[in-house]
N, C-alpha and C. Protein backbone atom coordinates (compact mmCIF):
# COMPACT_ATOMS: atom_id res chain seq x y z
N MET A 1 17.45 -32.80 7.84
CA MET A 1 16.40 -32.46 8.96
C MET A 1 15.34 -31.48 8.53
N LYS A 2 14.28 -31.63 8.97
CA LYS A 2 13.18 -30.76 8.33
C LYS A 2 12.84 -29.82 9.38
N LEU A 3 12.59 -28.49 8.99
CA LEU A 3 12.09 -27.43 9.77
C LEU A 3 10.69 -27.84 10.67
N ASN A 4 10.50 -27.35 11.88
CA ASN A 4 9.46 -27.49 12.64
C ASN A 4 8.27 -26.49 12.18
N VAL A 5 8.81 -25.52 11.29
CA VAL A 5 8.00 -24.33 10.85
C VAL A 5 8.17 -24.04 9.49
N SER A 6 7.33 -23.24 8.91
CA SER A 6 7.70 -22.94 7.53
C SER A 6 9.00 -22.10 7.15
N MET A 7 9.50 -22.26 6.09
CA MET A 7 10.65 -21.52 5.69
C MET A 7 10.46 -19.93 6.01
N GLU A 8 9.27 -19.56 5.61
CA GLU A 8 9.00 -18.09 5.97
C GLU A 8 9.10 -17.71 7.49
N GLU A 9 8.65 -18.57 8.24
CA GLU A 9 8.55 -18.55 9.65
C GLU A 9 10.00 -18.73 10.26
N SER A 10 10.79 -19.59 9.70
CA SER A 10 12.14 -19.69 10.11
C SER A 10 12.83 -18.38 9.84
N LYS A 11 12.54 -17.71 8.76
CA LYS A 11 13.37 -16.50 8.17
C LYS A 11 12.97 -15.33 9.16
N ARG A 12 11.76 -15.57 9.50
CA ARG A 12 11.17 -14.35 10.47
C ARG A 12 11.90 -14.38 11.81
N GLN A 13 11.93 -15.66 12.35
CA GLN A 13 12.55 -15.83 13.62
C GLN A 13 14.02 -15.57 13.54
N LEU A 14 14.68 -16.02 12.53
CA LEU A 14 15.98 -15.63 12.23
C LEU A 14 16.40 -14.16 12.33
N ARG A 15 15.46 -13.48 11.77
CA ARG A 15 15.48 -11.84 11.83
C ARG A 15 15.47 -11.35 13.21
N SER A 16 15.01 -12.11 14.09
CA SER A 16 15.04 -11.69 15.57
C SER A 16 16.28 -11.70 16.12
N ILE A 17 17.44 -12.28 15.69
CA ILE A 17 18.53 -12.27 16.13
C ILE A 17 19.38 -10.98 16.05
N PRO A 18 19.68 -10.32 17.21
CA PRO A 18 20.17 -8.89 17.14
C PRO A 18 21.69 -8.71 17.00
N HIS A 19 22.00 -9.03 15.51
CA HIS A 19 23.20 -8.83 15.19
C HIS A 19 23.27 -8.60 13.72
N GLN A 20 23.72 -7.49 13.12
CA GLN A 20 23.80 -7.04 11.85
C GLN A 20 24.53 -8.06 10.93
N THR A 21 25.53 -8.77 11.24
CA THR A 21 26.36 -9.47 10.61
C THR A 21 25.36 -10.92 10.32
N CYS A 22 24.60 -11.21 11.28
CA CYS A 22 23.68 -12.55 11.09
C CYS A 22 22.62 -11.99 10.13
N LEU A 23 22.05 -10.86 10.40
CA LEU A 23 20.81 -10.52 9.45
C LEU A 23 21.32 -10.42 8.28
N LYS A 24 22.54 -9.84 7.80
CA LYS A 24 22.86 -9.69 6.47
C LYS A 24 23.09 -11.06 5.81
N ALA A 25 23.36 -12.13 6.50
CA ALA A 25 23.86 -13.35 5.92
C ALA A 25 22.61 -14.35 5.94
N ILE A 26 21.44 -14.18 6.25
CA ILE A 26 20.41 -15.00 6.35
C ILE A 26 20.05 -15.63 4.96
N ASP A 27 19.88 -14.66 4.09
CA ASP A 27 19.46 -15.22 2.68
C ASP A 27 20.61 -16.09 2.12
N ARG A 28 21.88 -15.84 2.28
CA ARG A 28 22.83 -16.47 1.76
C ARG A 28 23.26 -17.70 2.39
N HIS A 29 22.90 -17.97 3.56
CA HIS A 29 23.36 -19.04 4.43
C HIS A 29 22.04 -19.91 4.95
N TRP A 30 20.94 -19.46 4.91
CA TRP A 30 19.87 -20.11 5.36
C TRP A 30 19.00 -20.89 4.03
N VAL A 31 19.32 -22.13 3.85
CA VAL A 31 18.91 -22.62 2.57
C VAL A 31 18.11 -24.03 2.84
N ALA A 32 17.03 -24.12 2.21
CA ALA A 32 16.12 -25.60 2.58
C ALA A 32 15.55 -25.82 1.10
N LYS A 33 15.18 -27.04 1.10
CA LYS A 33 14.60 -27.64 -0.11
C LYS A 33 13.20 -27.24 -0.07
N GLU A 34 12.37 -27.64 -1.14
CA GLU A 34 11.01 -27.17 -1.18
C GLU A 34 10.30 -28.04 -0.07
N ASP A 35 10.71 -29.19 0.24
CA ASP A 35 10.02 -30.06 1.21
C ASP A 35 10.25 -29.67 2.66
N GLY A 36 10.89 -28.62 2.84
CA GLY A 36 11.34 -28.08 4.08
C GLY A 36 12.37 -28.61 4.81
N THR A 37 13.25 -29.47 4.05
CA THR A 37 14.49 -29.96 4.69
C THR A 37 15.55 -28.94 4.58
N ILE A 38 16.16 -28.54 5.75
CA ILE A 38 17.23 -27.49 5.81
C ILE A 38 18.54 -28.16 5.49
N GLN A 39 19.38 -27.29 4.92
CA GLN A 39 20.71 -27.95 4.43
C GLN A 39 21.59 -27.86 5.52
N ALA A 40 22.48 -29.00 5.78
CA ALA A 40 23.38 -29.35 6.75
C ALA A 40 24.20 -27.98 7.17
N GLN A 41 24.69 -27.39 6.03
CA GLN A 41 25.58 -26.17 6.29
C GLN A 41 24.69 -25.01 6.93
N SER A 42 23.49 -25.03 6.57
CA SER A 42 22.66 -24.02 7.14
C SER A 42 22.31 -24.23 8.64
N ILE A 43 22.31 -25.47 9.11
CA ILE A 43 22.14 -25.88 10.48
C ILE A 43 23.35 -25.59 11.09
N LEU A 44 24.47 -25.72 10.62
CA LEU A 44 25.80 -25.59 11.18
C LEU A 44 26.09 -24.07 11.36
N TRP A 45 25.55 -23.21 10.25
CA TRP A 45 25.64 -21.72 10.56
C TRP A 45 24.96 -21.27 11.70
N LEU A 46 23.63 -21.73 11.71
CA LEU A 46 22.85 -21.47 12.90
C LEU A 46 23.59 -21.94 14.22
N PHE A 47 24.07 -23.06 14.22
CA PHE A 47 24.69 -23.65 15.39
C PHE A 47 25.86 -22.78 15.84
N CYS A 48 26.55 -22.24 14.87
CA CYS A 48 27.70 -21.37 15.40
C CYS A 48 27.21 -20.19 15.79
N TRP A 49 26.14 -19.51 15.34
CA TRP A 49 25.49 -18.40 16.07
C TRP A 49 25.16 -18.64 17.56
N ALA A 50 24.56 -19.82 17.68
CA ALA A 50 24.07 -20.25 18.99
C ALA A 50 25.18 -20.38 19.91
N LYS A 51 26.24 -20.88 19.42
CA LYS A 51 27.43 -21.27 20.03
C LYS A 51 28.18 -19.93 20.78
N THR A 52 28.42 -18.93 19.79
CA THR A 52 29.07 -17.83 20.06
C THR A 52 28.53 -16.41 19.93
N GLY A 53 27.64 -16.12 18.99
CA GLY A 53 26.92 -15.07 18.80
C GLY A 53 28.01 -13.93 18.43
N GLN A 54 29.12 -14.45 17.82
CA GLN A 54 30.15 -13.54 17.41
C GLN A 54 30.43 -12.61 18.55
N THR A 55 30.87 -12.95 19.71
CA THR A 55 30.92 -12.36 20.88
C THR A 55 29.88 -11.57 21.65
N SER A 56 28.70 -11.66 21.07
CA SER A 56 27.52 -11.10 21.55
C SER A 56 26.70 -12.04 22.19
N ASP A 57 26.53 -11.84 23.62
CA ASP A 57 25.81 -12.99 24.45
C ASP A 57 24.44 -12.65 24.03
N HIS A 58 23.87 -11.63 23.83
CA HIS A 58 22.45 -11.38 23.48
C HIS A 58 22.16 -12.11 22.22
N ALA A 59 23.02 -11.97 21.19
CA ALA A 59 22.91 -12.70 19.98
C ALA A 59 22.90 -14.17 20.15
N ARG A 60 23.89 -14.58 21.08
CA ARG A 60 24.05 -15.97 21.11
C ARG A 60 22.69 -16.59 21.78
N GLN A 61 22.08 -15.89 22.78
CA GLN A 61 21.18 -16.49 23.50
C GLN A 61 19.88 -16.50 22.45
N ALA A 62 19.73 -15.38 21.65
CA ALA A 62 18.62 -15.41 20.69
C ALA A 62 18.86 -16.46 19.59
N ALA A 63 20.00 -16.62 19.13
CA ALA A 63 20.00 -17.73 18.00
C ALA A 63 19.72 -19.13 18.69
N ALA A 64 20.24 -19.42 20.06
CA ALA A 64 19.80 -20.56 20.75
C ALA A 64 18.35 -20.80 20.73
N ARG A 65 17.56 -19.66 21.12
CA ARG A 65 16.12 -19.78 21.17
C ARG A 65 15.46 -20.06 19.85
N VAL A 66 15.97 -19.45 18.72
CA VAL A 66 15.64 -19.57 17.54
C VAL A 66 15.77 -20.88 16.92
N PHE A 67 17.07 -21.39 17.26
CA PHE A 67 17.45 -22.91 16.87
C PHE A 67 16.54 -23.90 17.47
N ASP A 68 16.13 -23.69 18.75
CA ASP A 68 15.17 -24.64 19.43
C ASP A 68 13.82 -24.45 18.87
N ALA A 69 13.44 -23.15 18.42
CA ALA A 69 12.00 -23.08 17.96
C ALA A 69 11.72 -23.53 16.54
N ILE A 70 12.88 -23.58 15.79
CA ILE A 70 12.58 -23.85 14.28
C ILE A 70 12.94 -25.40 13.86
N LEU A 71 13.85 -26.03 14.72
CA LEU A 71 14.56 -27.20 14.43
C LEU A 71 13.94 -28.26 15.30
N PRO A 72 14.04 -29.41 14.81
CA PRO A 72 13.50 -30.63 15.68
C PRO A 72 14.54 -31.15 16.71
N VAL A 73 15.47 -30.52 16.95
CA VAL A 73 16.64 -30.85 18.01
C VAL A 73 16.81 -29.85 18.66
N ALA A 74 17.22 -29.94 19.88
CA ALA A 74 17.60 -28.65 20.90
C ALA A 74 18.93 -28.43 20.81
N PHE A 75 19.21 -27.04 20.73
CA PHE A 75 20.72 -26.84 20.53
C PHE A 75 21.53 -27.36 21.62
N ALA A 76 20.99 -27.43 22.92
CA ALA A 76 21.77 -27.86 23.99
C ALA A 76 22.19 -29.44 23.71
N LYS A 77 21.25 -30.07 23.00
CA LYS A 77 21.48 -31.60 22.72
C LYS A 77 22.60 -31.85 21.66
N LEU A 78 22.29 -30.86 20.72
CA LEU A 78 23.26 -30.90 19.51
C LEU A 78 24.70 -30.45 19.91
N ASN A 79 24.57 -29.46 20.78
CA ASN A 79 26.03 -28.92 21.36
C ASN A 79 26.66 -30.00 22.20
N ALA A 80 25.98 -30.89 22.74
CA ALA A 80 26.79 -31.99 23.50
C ALA A 80 27.53 -32.99 22.75
N VAL A 81 27.10 -33.15 21.24
CA VAL A 81 27.68 -34.03 20.50
C VAL A 81 28.47 -33.50 19.30
N LEU A 82 28.24 -32.15 19.08
CA LEU A 82 28.80 -31.59 17.86
C LEU A 82 29.95 -30.59 18.23
N ASP A 83 31.13 -31.03 17.60
CA ASP A 83 32.25 -30.04 18.02
C ASP A 83 32.18 -28.76 17.07
N HIS A 84 32.49 -27.62 17.92
CA HIS A 84 32.31 -26.36 17.19
C HIS A 84 33.23 -26.08 16.14
N ARG A 85 34.52 -26.78 16.08
CA ARG A 85 35.57 -26.54 15.07
C ARG A 85 35.03 -27.27 13.88
N TYR A 86 34.45 -28.41 13.92
CA TYR A 86 33.71 -28.94 12.70
C TYR A 86 32.58 -28.14 12.29
N ALA A 87 31.87 -27.58 13.10
CA ALA A 87 30.55 -26.74 12.66
C ALA A 87 31.28 -25.60 11.79
N ARG A 88 32.22 -24.83 12.35
CA ARG A 88 32.95 -23.71 11.68
C ARG A 88 33.53 -24.07 10.35
N LYS A 89 34.16 -25.13 10.34
CA LYS A 89 34.77 -25.47 9.02
C LYS A 89 33.69 -26.13 7.96
N MET A 90 32.74 -26.87 8.40
CA MET A 90 31.90 -27.37 7.46
C MET A 90 30.75 -26.43 6.99
N ARG A 91 30.32 -25.46 7.87
CA ARG A 91 29.18 -24.54 7.51
C ARG A 91 29.40 -23.75 6.22
N ALA A 92 30.63 -23.88 5.70
CA ALA A 92 31.12 -23.01 4.41
C ALA A 92 31.54 -24.07 3.45
N SER A 93 31.47 -25.52 3.76
CA SER A 93 31.72 -26.32 2.85
C SER A 93 30.81 -26.45 1.53
N GLY A 94 31.55 -26.33 0.36
CA GLY A 94 30.71 -26.46 -0.73
C GLY A 94 30.36 -27.98 -1.32
N ARG A 95 30.77 -28.84 -0.48
CA ARG A 95 30.42 -30.32 -0.96
C ARG A 95 29.26 -30.87 -0.15
N ASP A 96 28.67 -31.94 -0.49
CA ASP A 96 27.43 -32.59 0.07
C ASP A 96 27.73 -33.17 1.38
N ILE A 97 27.53 -32.60 2.46
CA ILE A 97 27.85 -33.18 3.83
C ILE A 97 26.56 -33.72 4.45
N GLU A 98 25.47 -33.92 3.64
CA GLU A 98 24.29 -34.25 4.37
C GLU A 98 24.33 -35.65 5.02
N LYS A 99 24.86 -36.64 4.53
CA LYS A 99 25.01 -37.98 5.18
C LYS A 99 25.97 -37.97 6.15
N GLU A 100 27.15 -37.22 6.10
CA GLU A 100 28.01 -37.09 7.38
C GLU A 100 27.56 -36.41 8.34
N PHE A 101 26.70 -35.47 8.28
CA PHE A 101 26.23 -34.67 9.24
C PHE A 101 25.01 -35.52 9.82
N GLU A 102 24.24 -36.29 9.01
CA GLU A 102 23.25 -37.08 9.65
C GLU A 102 23.78 -38.17 10.69
N GLN A 103 24.87 -38.74 10.28
CA GLN A 103 25.58 -39.70 10.98
C GLN A 103 26.19 -39.07 12.34
N LEU A 104 26.73 -38.00 12.20
CA LEU A 104 27.22 -37.12 13.46
C LEU A 104 26.14 -36.98 14.44
N ILE A 105 24.68 -36.57 13.91
CA ILE A 105 23.85 -36.23 14.80
C ILE A 105 22.91 -37.24 15.30
N ARG A 106 23.12 -38.43 14.45
CA ARG A 106 22.14 -39.49 14.71
C ARG A 106 21.82 -39.90 16.29
N PRO A 107 22.80 -39.86 17.17
CA PRO A 107 22.65 -40.33 18.49
C PRO A 107 21.56 -39.35 19.08
N VAL A 108 21.77 -38.05 18.69
CA VAL A 108 20.82 -36.96 19.25
C VAL A 108 19.33 -37.25 18.66
N MET A 109 19.32 -37.41 17.43
CA MET A 109 18.03 -37.70 16.79
C MET A 109 17.31 -38.84 17.25
N ASP A 110 18.09 -40.03 17.69
CA ASP A 110 17.55 -41.20 18.16
C ASP A 110 17.30 -41.18 19.64
N GLY A 111 17.45 -40.19 20.22
CA GLY A 111 17.49 -40.00 21.56
C GLY A 111 18.29 -40.77 22.51
N ARG A 112 19.71 -41.10 22.02
CA ARG A 112 20.71 -41.77 22.66
C ARG A 112 21.80 -40.77 23.34
N ALA A 113 21.44 -39.59 23.03
CA ALA A 113 22.40 -38.48 23.51
C ALA A 113 21.79 -37.51 24.43
């Protein structure tokens, strides 16, 4: 999935999420290729922040706004098809999950969900 904005802009927006744990993790978890394609694990990491905010509703709301602003799919639409347990487990996966992730979100990306 490609970013809607530059990598620099995505990081600037991520830094607006009001939670120190999130802010400290951005450089480690927010990974993109040079063409602007964001790694599936990175999307899942942000998805988890938008889902729970680590018990901070303010951080959760901010993460959902950032998600919607920088990615080509709305958080609410992805939330309708993506299991949070899967996201938590796979966001830290060291294996290549790109194709698996693409298949999971295809209904949303194709406008069928």
